[in-house]
C-alpha atoms as a PDB file:
ATOM      1  CA  MET A   1    -132.759 126.830  62.080  1.00  0.00           C
ATOM      2  CA  SER A   2    -134.267 126.859  66.033  1.00  0.00           C
ATOM      3  CA  ALA A   3    -130.563 126.172  67.105  1.00  0.00           C
ATOM      4  CA  ALA A   4    -128.835 129.042  65.062  1.00  0.00           C
ATOM      5  CA  ARG A   5    -131.755 131.351  66.897  1.00  0.00           C
ATOM      6  CA  GLY A   6    -130.371 130.588  70.027  1.00  0.00           C
ATOM      7  CA  ASN A   7    -132.949 127.366  71.270  1.00  0.00           C
ATOM      8  CA  THR A   8    -130.166 125.696  73.602  1.00  0.00           C
ATOM      9  CA  ALA A   9    -132.183 122.589  73.710  1.00  0.00           C
ATOM     10  CA  ALA A  10    -132.306 122.157  70.134  1.00  0.00           C
ATOM     11  CA  LYS A  11    -128.687 122.805  69.467  1.00  0.00           C
ATOM     12  CA  VAL A  12    -127.925 120.161  72.577  1.00  0.00           C
ATOM     13  CA  LYS A  13    -130.257 117.822  70.584  1.00  0.00           C
ATOM     14  CA  LEU A  14    -128.328 118.847  67.155  1.00  0.00           C
ATOM     15  CA  ARG A  15    -124.760 118.258  68.314  1.00  0.00           C
ATOM     16  CA  GLN A  16    -125.795 115.069  69.800  1.00  0.00           C
ATOM     17  CA  HIS A  17    -127.325 113.835  66.838  1.00  0.00           C
ATOM     18  CA  LEU A  18    -124.708 114.671  64.840  1.00  0.00           C
ATOM     19  CA  ALA A  19    -122.207 112.579  66.832  1.00  0.00           C
ATOM     20  CA  ARG A  20    -124.439 109.773  66.663  1.00  0.00           C
ATOM     21  CA  TYR A  21    -124.756 109.340  62.736  1.00  0.00           C
ATOM     22  CA  GLU A  22    -121.009 110.098  62.518  1.00  0.00           C
ATOM     23  CA  ALA A  23    -120.615 106.862  65.248  1.00  0.00           C
ATOM     24  CA  MET A  24    -122.998 105.274  63.103  1.00  0.00           C
ATOM     25  CA  ALA A  25    -121.152 105.194  59.698  1.00  0.00           C
ATOM     26  CA  PRO A  26    -118.595 106.913  57.794  1.00  0.00           C
ATOM     27  CA  VAL A  27    -121.119 108.060  55.206  1.00  0.00           C
ATOM     28  CA  PHE A  28    -122.699 110.191  57.761  1.00  0.00           C
ATOM     29  CA  ALA A  29    -119.618 112.079  58.244  1.00  0.00           C
ATOM     30  CA  PRO A  30    -119.414 114.502  55.526  1.00  0.00           C
ATOM     31  CA  LEU A  31    -123.058 115.965  56.136  1.00  0.00           C
ATOM     32  CA  ALA A  32    -122.086 116.749  59.886  1.00  0.00           C
ATOM     33  CA  GLY A  33    -119.076 118.153  59.108  1.00  0.00           C
ATOM     34  CA  VAL A  34    -121.144 120.620  57.039  1.00  0.00           C
ATOM     35  CA  VAL A  35    -124.008 121.193  59.450  1.00  0.00           C
ATOM     36  CA  ARG A  36    -121.484 121.692  62.294  1.00  0.00           C
ATOM     37  CA  ARG A  37    -119.368 124.607  60.563  1.00  0.00           C
ATOM     38  CA  LEU A  38    -123.371 126.281  59.407  1.00  0.00           C
ATOM     39  CA  LEU A  39    -123.887 125.976  63.240  1.00  0.00           C
ATOM     40  CA  ALA A  40    -120.677 127.642  64.457  1.00  0.00           C
ATOM     41  CA  GLY A  41    -121.771 130.326  61.623  1.00  0.00           C
ATOM     42  CA  GLU A  42    -119.849 129.897  58.243  1.00  0.00           C
ATOM     43  CA  ARG A  43    -122.600 131.255  55.647  1.00  0.00           C
ATOM     44  CA  ASP A  44    -120.357 129.916  52.335  1.00  0.00           C
ATOM     45  CA  PRO A  45    -122.714 129.768  49.524  1.00  0.00           C
ATOM     46  CA  GLY A  46    -119.607 126.927  48.961  1.00  0.00           C
ATOM     47  CA  ALA A  47    -120.283 124.588  51.689  1.00  0.00           C
ATOM     48  CA  ALA A  48    -121.960 121.651  50.394  1.00  0.00           C
ATOM     49  CA  VAL A  49    -119.554 121.905  47.366  1.00  0.00           C
ATOM     50  CA  GLY A  50    -117.986 117.848  47.475  1.00  0.00           C
ATOM     51  CA  LEU A  51    -121.384 116.305  48.932  1.00  0.00           C
ATOM     52  CA  GLY A  52    -122.677 113.319  47.192  1.00  0.00           C
ATOM     53  CA  PRO A  53    -126.024 113.536  45.745  1.00  0.00           C
ATOM     54  CA  LEU A  54    -127.927 113.313  48.552  1.00  0.00           C
ATOM     55  CA  ASP A  55    -125.979 115.031  50.757  1.00  0.00           C
ATOM     56  CA  ALA A  56    -125.698 118.285  49.228  1.00  0.00           C
ATOM     57  CA  PRO A  57    -129.492 119.431  48.720  1.00  0.00           C
ATOM     58  CA  VAL A  58    -129.833 118.973  52.602  1.00  0.00           C
ATOM     59  CA  ALA A  59    -126.719 120.967  53.490  1.00  0.00           C
ATOM     60  CA  ALA A  60    -127.506 123.725  50.414  1.00  0.00           C
ATOM     61  CA  ARG A  61    -131.411 123.819  52.223  1.00  0.00           C
ATOM     62  CA  ALA A  62    -129.824 124.410  55.683  1.00  0.00           C
ATOM     63  CA  LEU A  63    -127.488 127.169  54.541  1.00  0.00           C
ATOM     64  CA  ALA A  64    -130.465 128.334  52.082  1.00  0.00           C
ATOM     65  CA  ALA A  65    -132.502 128.951  55.209  1.00  0.00           C
ATOM     66  CA  LEU A  66    -129.813 130.145  57.123  1.00  0.00           C
ATOM     67  CA  ARG A  67    -129.371 132.941  54.867  1.00  0.00           C
ATOM     68  CA  GLY A  68    -132.730 134.155  54.971  1.00  0.00           C
ATOM     69  CA  GLU A  69    -133.682 132.854  50.879  1.00  0.00           C
ATOM     70  CA  VAL A  70    -136.178 130.476  51.958  1.00  0.00           C
ATOM     71  CA  GLU A  71    -138.362 129.269  54.882  1.00  0.00           C
ATOM     72  CA  VAL A  72    -138.479 125.571  56.495  1.00  0.00           C
ATOM     73  CA  PRO A  73    -140.531 124.732  59.225  1.00  0.00           C
ATOM     74  CA  VAL A  74    -138.830 125.304  62.710  1.00  0.00           C
ATOM     75  CA  ALA A  75    -141.089 123.018  64.576  1.00  0.00           C
ATOM     76  CA  LEU A  76    -139.329 120.373  63.114  1.00  0.00           C
ATOM     77  CA  TRP A  77    -136.558 119.848  65.697  1.00  0.00           C
ATOM     78  CA  PRO A  78    -137.731 117.954  68.053  1.00  0.00           C
ATOM     79  CA  ALA A  79    -138.416 115.199  65.425  1.00  0.00           C
ATOM     80  CA  LEU A  80    -134.293 115.038  64.960  1.00  0.00           C
ATOM     81  CA  HIS A  81    -134.864 111.435  66.012  1.00  0.00           C
ATOM     82  CA  LEU A  82    -137.032 110.203  63.416  1.00  0.00           C
ATOM     83  CA  SER A  83    -134.449 111.553  60.541  1.00  0.00           C
ATOM     84  CA  LEU A  84    -133.102 108.303  59.544  1.00  0.00           C
ATOM     85  CA  ALA A  85    -136.804 107.048  59.307  1.00  0.00           C
ATOM     86  CA  LEU A  86    -137.668 109.829  57.362  1.00  0.00           C
ATOM     87  CA  GLY A  87    -134.999 109.336  55.401  1.00  0.00           C
ATOM     88  CA  ASN A  88    -135.905 105.849  54.610  1.00  0.00           C
ATOM     89  CA  PHE A  89    -139.750 106.953  54.049  1.00  0.00           C
ATOM     90  CA  VAL A  90    -138.665 109.598  51.346  1.00  0.00           C
ATOM     91  CA  GLY A  91    -136.701 106.846  49.320  1.00  0.00           C
ATOM     92  CA  ALA A  92    -139.479 104.679  49.120  1.00  0.00           C
ATOM     93  CA  ALA A  93    -142.051 107.042  48.366  1.00  0.00           C
ATOM     94  CA  ALA A  94    -139.674 107.827  45.561  1.00  0.00           C
ATOM     95  CA  GLY A  95    -139.335 104.595  44.220  1.00  0.00           C
ATOM     96  CA  ASP A  96    -136.138 103.100  46.190  1.00  0.00           C
ATOM     97  CA  PRO A  97    -137.152  99.211  46.449  1.00  0.00           C
ATOM     98  CA  GLY A  98    -134.418  98.943  48.970  1.00  0.00           C
ATOM     99  CA  THR A  99    -136.660 101.116  51.691  1.00  0.00           C
ATOM    100  CA  ALA A 100    -139.964  99.833  50.576  1.00  0.00           C
ATOM    101  CA  GLN A 101    -140.318  96.927  53.553  1.00  0.00           C
ATOM    102  CA  VAL A 102    -138.647  98.709  56.499  1.00  0.00           C
ATOM    103  CA  THR A 103    -141.262 101.758  55.748  1.00  0.00           C
ATOM    104  CA  ARG A 104    -143.956  99.638  55.744  1.00  0.00           C
ATOM    105  CA  GLU A 105    -142.882  98.146  58.867  1.00  0.00           C
ATOM    106  CA  GLN A 106    -142.589 101.475  60.220  1.00  0.00           C
ATOM    107  CA  LEU A 107    -146.069 102.624  59.548  1.00  0.00           C
ATOM    108  CA  ALA A 108    -147.867  99.425  60.489  1.00  0.00           C
ATOM    109  CA  ALA A 109    -146.072 100.405  64.061  1.00  0.00           C
ATOM    110  CA  LEU A 110    -147.313 104.125  63.758  1.00  0.00           C
ATOM    111  CA  ARG A 111    -150.771 103.159  63.410  1.00  0.00           C
ATOM    112  CA  ALA A 112    -150.557 100.828  66.368  1.00  0.00           C
ATOM    113  CA  ASP A 113    -149.065 103.688  68.745  1.00  0.00           C
ATOM    114  CA  PRO A 114    -151.375 106.481  70.292  1.00  0.00           C
ATOM    115  CA  ALA A 115    -148.470 109.152  69.960  1.00  0.00           C
ATOM    116  CA  PHE A 116    -148.186 108.530  66.390  1.00  0.00           C
ATOM    117  CA  ALA A 117    -151.420 107.241  65.007  1.00  0.00           C
ATOM    118  CA  PRO A 118    -152.509 110.663  63.529  1.00  0.00           C
ATOM    119  CA  LEU A 119    -149.268 111.061  61.346  1.00  0.00           C
ATOM    120  CA  ALA A 120    -149.582 107.583  59.915  1.00  0.00           C
ATOM    121  CA  PRO A 121    -152.596 107.817  57.233  1.00  0.00           C
ATOM    122  CA  VAL A 122    -151.160 111.001  56.249  1.00  0.00           C
ATOM    123  CA  LEU A 123    -147.553 109.531  55.629  1.00  0.00           C
ATOM    124  CA  ALA A 124    -149.415 106.547  53.931  1.00  0.00           C
ATOM    125  CA  GLU A 125    -151.298 108.363  51.117  1.00  0.00           C
ATOM    126  CA  ILE A 126    -147.723 109.915  50.491  1.00  0.00           C
ATOM    127  CA  LEU A 127    -146.364 106.852  49.990  1.00  0.00           C
ATOM    128  CA  ASP A 128    -149.175 105.318  47.673  1.00  0.00           C
ATOM    129  CA  GLY A 129    -147.977 108.528  45.723  1.00  0.00           C
ATOM    130  CA  SER A 130    -150.315 111.689  47.160  1.00  0.00           C
ATOM    131  CA  ARG A 131    -148.347 114.914  46.618  1.00  0.00           C
ATOM    132  CA  ASP A 132    -151.888 117.193  47.887  1.00  0.00           C
ATOM    133  CA  PRO A 133    -150.031 120.270  49.689  1.00  0.00           C
ATOM    134  CA  GLY A 134    -153.331 120.090  51.572  1.00  0.00           C
ATOM    135  CA  LEU A 135    -152.007 116.964  53.663  1.00  0.00           C
ATOM    136  CA  VAL A 136    -149.874 119.308  55.784  1.00  0.00           C
ATOM    137  CA  ASP A 137    -152.762 120.495  57.744  1.00  0.00           C
ATOM    138  CA  ARG A 138    -154.389 117.002  58.180  1.00  0.00           C
ATOM    139  CA  PRO A 139    -152.199 116.466  61.824  1.00  0.00           C
ATOM    140  CA  ARG A 140    -152.867 118.373  64.478  1.00  0.00           C
ATOM    141  CA  GLU A 141    -149.658 118.832  66.234  1.00  0.00           C
ATOM    142  CA  PRO A 142    -147.105 121.682  64.732  1.00  0.00           C
ATOM    143  CA  VAL A 143    -144.662 118.883  64.725  1.00  0.00           C
ATOM    144  CA  GLN A 144    -146.295 116.249  62.879  1.00  0.00           C
ATOM    145  CA  ARG A 145    -147.099 119.101  60.520  1.00  0.00           C
ATOM    146  CA  ALA A 146    -143.600 119.946  59.823  1.00  0.00           C
ATOM    147  CA  VAL A 147    -142.892 116.178  59.557  1.00  0.00           C
ATOM    148  CA  VAL A 148    -145.447 116.167  56.295  1.00  0.00           C
ATOM    149  CA  ALA A 149    -144.203 119.740  55.013  1.00  0.00           C
ATOM    150  CA  THR A 150    -140.912 118.474  55.054  1.00  0.00           C
ATOM    151  CA  VAL A 151    -141.521 114.778  53.372  1.00  0.00           C
ATOM    152  CA  LEU A 152    -143.293 116.454  50.598  1.00  0.00           C
ATOM    153  CA  HIS A 153    -140.687 119.026  50.225  1.00  0.00           C
ATOM    154  CA  TYR A 154    -138.065 116.326  49.886  1.00  0.00           C
ATOM    155  CA  LEU A 155    -140.049 114.446  47.546  1.00  0.00           C
ATOM    156  CA  ASP A 156    -140.635 117.292  45.468  1.00  0.00           C
ATOM    157  CA  GLY A 157    -136.717 117.748  44.733  1.00  0.00           C
ATOM    158  CA  VAL A 158    -135.652 113.985  45.024  1.00  0.00           C
ATOM    159  CA  GLY A 159    -138.160 112.059  43.252  1.00  0.00           C
ATOM    160  CA  GLY A 160    -137.954 110.968  39.245  1.00  0.00           C
ATOM    161  CA  GLU A 161    -135.484 109.250  36.735  1.00  0.00           C
ATOM    162  CA  GLY A 162    -132.331 108.400  38.664  1.00  0.00           C
ATOM    163  CA  TRP A 163    -133.339 108.245  42.238  1.00  0.00           C
ATOM    164  CA  ALA A 164    -133.162 104.558  43.080  1.00  0.00           C
ATOM    165  CA  GLU A 165    -129.407 105.077  41.346  1.00  0.00           C
ATOM    166  CA  LYS A 166    -128.134 108.044  43.300  1.00  0.00           C
ATOM    167  CA  VAL A 167    -129.693 105.937  46.484  1.00  0.00           C
ATOM    168  CA  ALA A 168    -127.438 102.730  45.599  1.00  0.00           C
ATOM    169  CA  VAL A 169    -124.284 104.738  45.046  1.00  0.00           C
ATOM    170  CA  ARG A 170    -124.724 105.991  48.850  1.00  0.00           C
ATOM    171  CA  ARG A 171    -124.573 102.274  49.981  1.00  0.00           C
ATOM    172  CA  GLU A 172    -121.698  99.900  50.611  1.00  0.00           C
ATOM    173  CA  GLY A 173    -122.080  97.475  47.288  1.00  0.00           C
ATOM    174  CA  GLY A 174    -124.689  99.677  45.644  1.00  0.00           C
ATOM    175  CA  GLY A 175    -127.485  96.805  46.760  1.00  0.00           C
ATOM    176  CA  MET A 176    -131.266  97.223  46.223  1.00  0.00           C
ATOM    177  CA  GLU A 177    -131.880  93.911  48.450  1.00  0.00           C
ATOM    178  CA  GLN A 178    -135.031  94.175  50.431  1.00  0.00           C
ATOM    179  CA  GLU A 179    -133.554  93.122  53.562  1.00  0.00           C
ATOM    180  CA  PRO A 180    -132.398  95.486  56.109  1.00  0.00           C
ATOM    181  CA  ARG A 181    -129.393  97.101  55.767  1.00  0.00           C
ATOM    182  CA  VAL A 182    -126.556  97.905  58.283  1.00  0.00           C
ATOM    183  CA  ASN A 183    -128.062 101.541  60.329  1.00  0.00           C
ATOM    184  CA  ASP A 184    -131.729 101.198  58.937  1.00  0.00           C
ATOM    185  CA  VAL A 185    -134.174 102.830  61.283  1.00  0.00           C
ATOM    186  CA  ARG A 186    -137.591 101.694  61.891  1.00  0.00           C
ATOM    187  CA  ILE A 187    -139.977 102.105  64.476  1.00  0.00           C
ATOM    188  CA  GLY A 188    -140.661  98.663  66.244  1.00  0.00           C
ATOM    189  CA  PRO A 189    -143.600  96.822  67.403  1.00  0.00           C
ATOM    190  CA  ASP A 190    -143.719  98.002  70.872  1.00  0.00           C
ATOM    191  CA  GLY A 191    -143.308 101.380  68.945  1.00  0.00           C
ATOM    192  CA  GLU A 192    -139.815 102.219  70.228  1.00  0.00           C
ATOM    193  CA  LEU A 193    -137.618 103.496  67.526  1.00  0.00           C
ATOM    194  CA  GLU A 194    -134.573 100.774  66.580  1.00  0.00           C
ATOM    195  CA  PHE A 195    -131.393 100.796  64.067  1.00  0.00           C
ATOM    196  CA  TYR A 196    -130.694  97.343  62.733  1.00  0.00           C
ATOM    197  CA  ASP A 197    -126.937  96.421  63.725  1.00  0.00           C
ATOM    198  CA  GLY A 198    -126.400  94.235  60.909  1.00  0.00           C
ATOM    199  CA  ALA A 199    -127.755  91.080  62.861  1.00  0.00           C
ATOM    200  CA  GLU A 200    -130.672  92.244  64.993  1.00  0.00           C
ATOM    201  CA  TRP A 201    -132.749  95.398  65.437  1.00  0.00           C
ATOM    202  CA  VAL A 202    -131.630  97.069  68.447  1.00  0.00           C
ATOM    203  CA  PRO A 203    -133.328 100.147  70.743  1.00  0.00           C
ATOM    204  CA  TYR A 204    -132.127 103.394  69.187  1.00  0.00           C
ATOM    205  CA  PRO A 205    -131.920 105.351  72.374  1.00  0.00           C
ATOM    206  CA  ASP A 206    -131.291 109.335  72.351  1.00  0.00           C
ATOM    207  CA  LEU A 207    -127.640 110.500  73.742  1.00  0.00           C
ATOM    208  CA  PRO A 208    -127.543 111.982  76.509  1.00  0.00           C
ATOM    209  CA  ASP A 209    -127.326 115.356  77.487  1.00  0.00           C
ATOM    210  CA  GLU A 210    -123.902 116.979  77.668  1.00  0.00           C
ATOM    211  CA  ALA A 211    -124.622 117.211  81.366  1.00  0.00           C
ATOM    212  CA  GLY A 212    -126.891 114.695  83.531  1.00  0.00           C
ATOM    213  CA  PRO A 213    -128.917 111.630  82.419  1.00  0.00           C
ATOM    214  CA  PRO A 214    -130.069 110.544  79.034  1.00  0.00           C
ATOM    215  CA  SER A 215    -132.853 112.015  78.031  1.00  0.00           C
ATOM    216  CA  ALA A 216    -136.114 110.644  76.461  1.00  0.00           C
ATOM    217  CA  LEU A 217    -136.905 110.381  72.716  1.00  0.00           C
ATOM    218  CA  TRP A 218    -139.234 113.307  71.696  1.00  0.00           C
ATOM    219  CA  ARG A 219    -142.639 111.816  70.963  1.00  0.00           C
ATOM    220  CA  PRO A 220    -145.550 113.556  68.768  1.00  0.00           C
ATOM    221  CA  GLY A 221    -147.739 115.532  71.379  1.00  0.00           C
ATOM    222  CA  ASP A 222    -144.741 116.824  73.421  1.00  0.00           C
ATOM    223  CA  VAL A 223    -144.253 120.385  71.798  1.00  0.00           C
ATOM    224  CA  SER A 224    -143.243 121.732  75.206  1.00  0.00           C
END
């Protein structure tokens, strides 16, 4: 929404992350393609047709927001770099055992990082089963509140019977193992974002701007 409303920084950041996801794994390409078309101005109600069971709701919600049919927290965009980690979190909170271990590791790292610490207990309550809408008001930072609101929204839509099976369809081989999978994302012991490349956890740097040096990852508290 911020990008579509003319926020140049949000537009650049979105393009960077779409490119990164497409480069990380082919599974991200269909959704990235739809988002690119929406960013370019497409508002066709059938834009999400053909996407998988996890991607279609994301595209449909983006389209509905752009058409003015629903409201989304526009303060969320600086947290784009956390999107894969939050996807793991939603999966774990909805009952997917394949994301449980990495999500617990992420929460432990959040608690140890002063910049993320206020968000950690709220996410922990959600992971333990709370769906209280009042949790949105707990963090002080607008971006953190937007993160909580978004997590609760998706849990309201994707939880329940059959969720783990939908997640399995998206993975190669459909495995539900506890070991990390390629492209799993976590916040490491030093508080930095990392992804699993198939052999080890490696740094997850932000992409550089279209011109200029690489930009720093956003962290809670950086809302300017």
